[in-house]
């Protein structure tokens, strides 16, 4: 698909999208960080909750192998602890709840939001990346030169976003009139826009081919503990 098909929306009205993302960890019964990691070492495995978000967390459907920046961090941290890394498949809707329930020790590539920060703590940033909104530049519903949320927050406009992500939370708080279409994955959100079931894509990543580069920076973190 040619790049000319899509335009950027800088989203100057959405500073909430400048978030912290990364690995977060829970500690049952208010354990100290030291005791918590000692428990992981005793178990012999570091369980990492992984919700797919290419290219940061990817899963090969044929082999089940996880790759990507944060998958590598999980493996490296397991090496430091001298335990085996184990990946637990989850969704963005469940990535915090599963962590709190002790189903895994770390959540990978988790964006920091005020609600999440009340339940888990986040580490310092591990990397920086950017996001944007993408839309069909010939779509008559989108005003030429759209530059703010107000320009796209119109009745009859549909935004596609991956359910449970920080992008979902941020856009839900900002949009009052447009319709939000929540879908389970990146592929589904892109398909919704290219098939014209949705007007605007809110991606969790930027692609070199077809999708605009981001206007807002997001800072993924490394790891954290529950409060």
Foldseek 3Di string as FASTA:
>chain_A
DAQLQKDWALAPVQPVVQWAWFKEFEDPPPDDPVVRLVVCLVVQEAEEEEADAPPAWDADPVPRDIDHVQVVLQCVVCVVSVGHYHYDYDFLQCQLVCRHVVVGGMYGGAIDDPVSCLWTPFAFFPDKFFWTKIFGCPPPQQDPPNHHPVRQLAAPAEEEEAPNHSLVVRVVVVHDHYHYHYDHDDVVRVCCRVVVVHGMYGGPHADPGRGDGGNHMYTYTYYIYTD
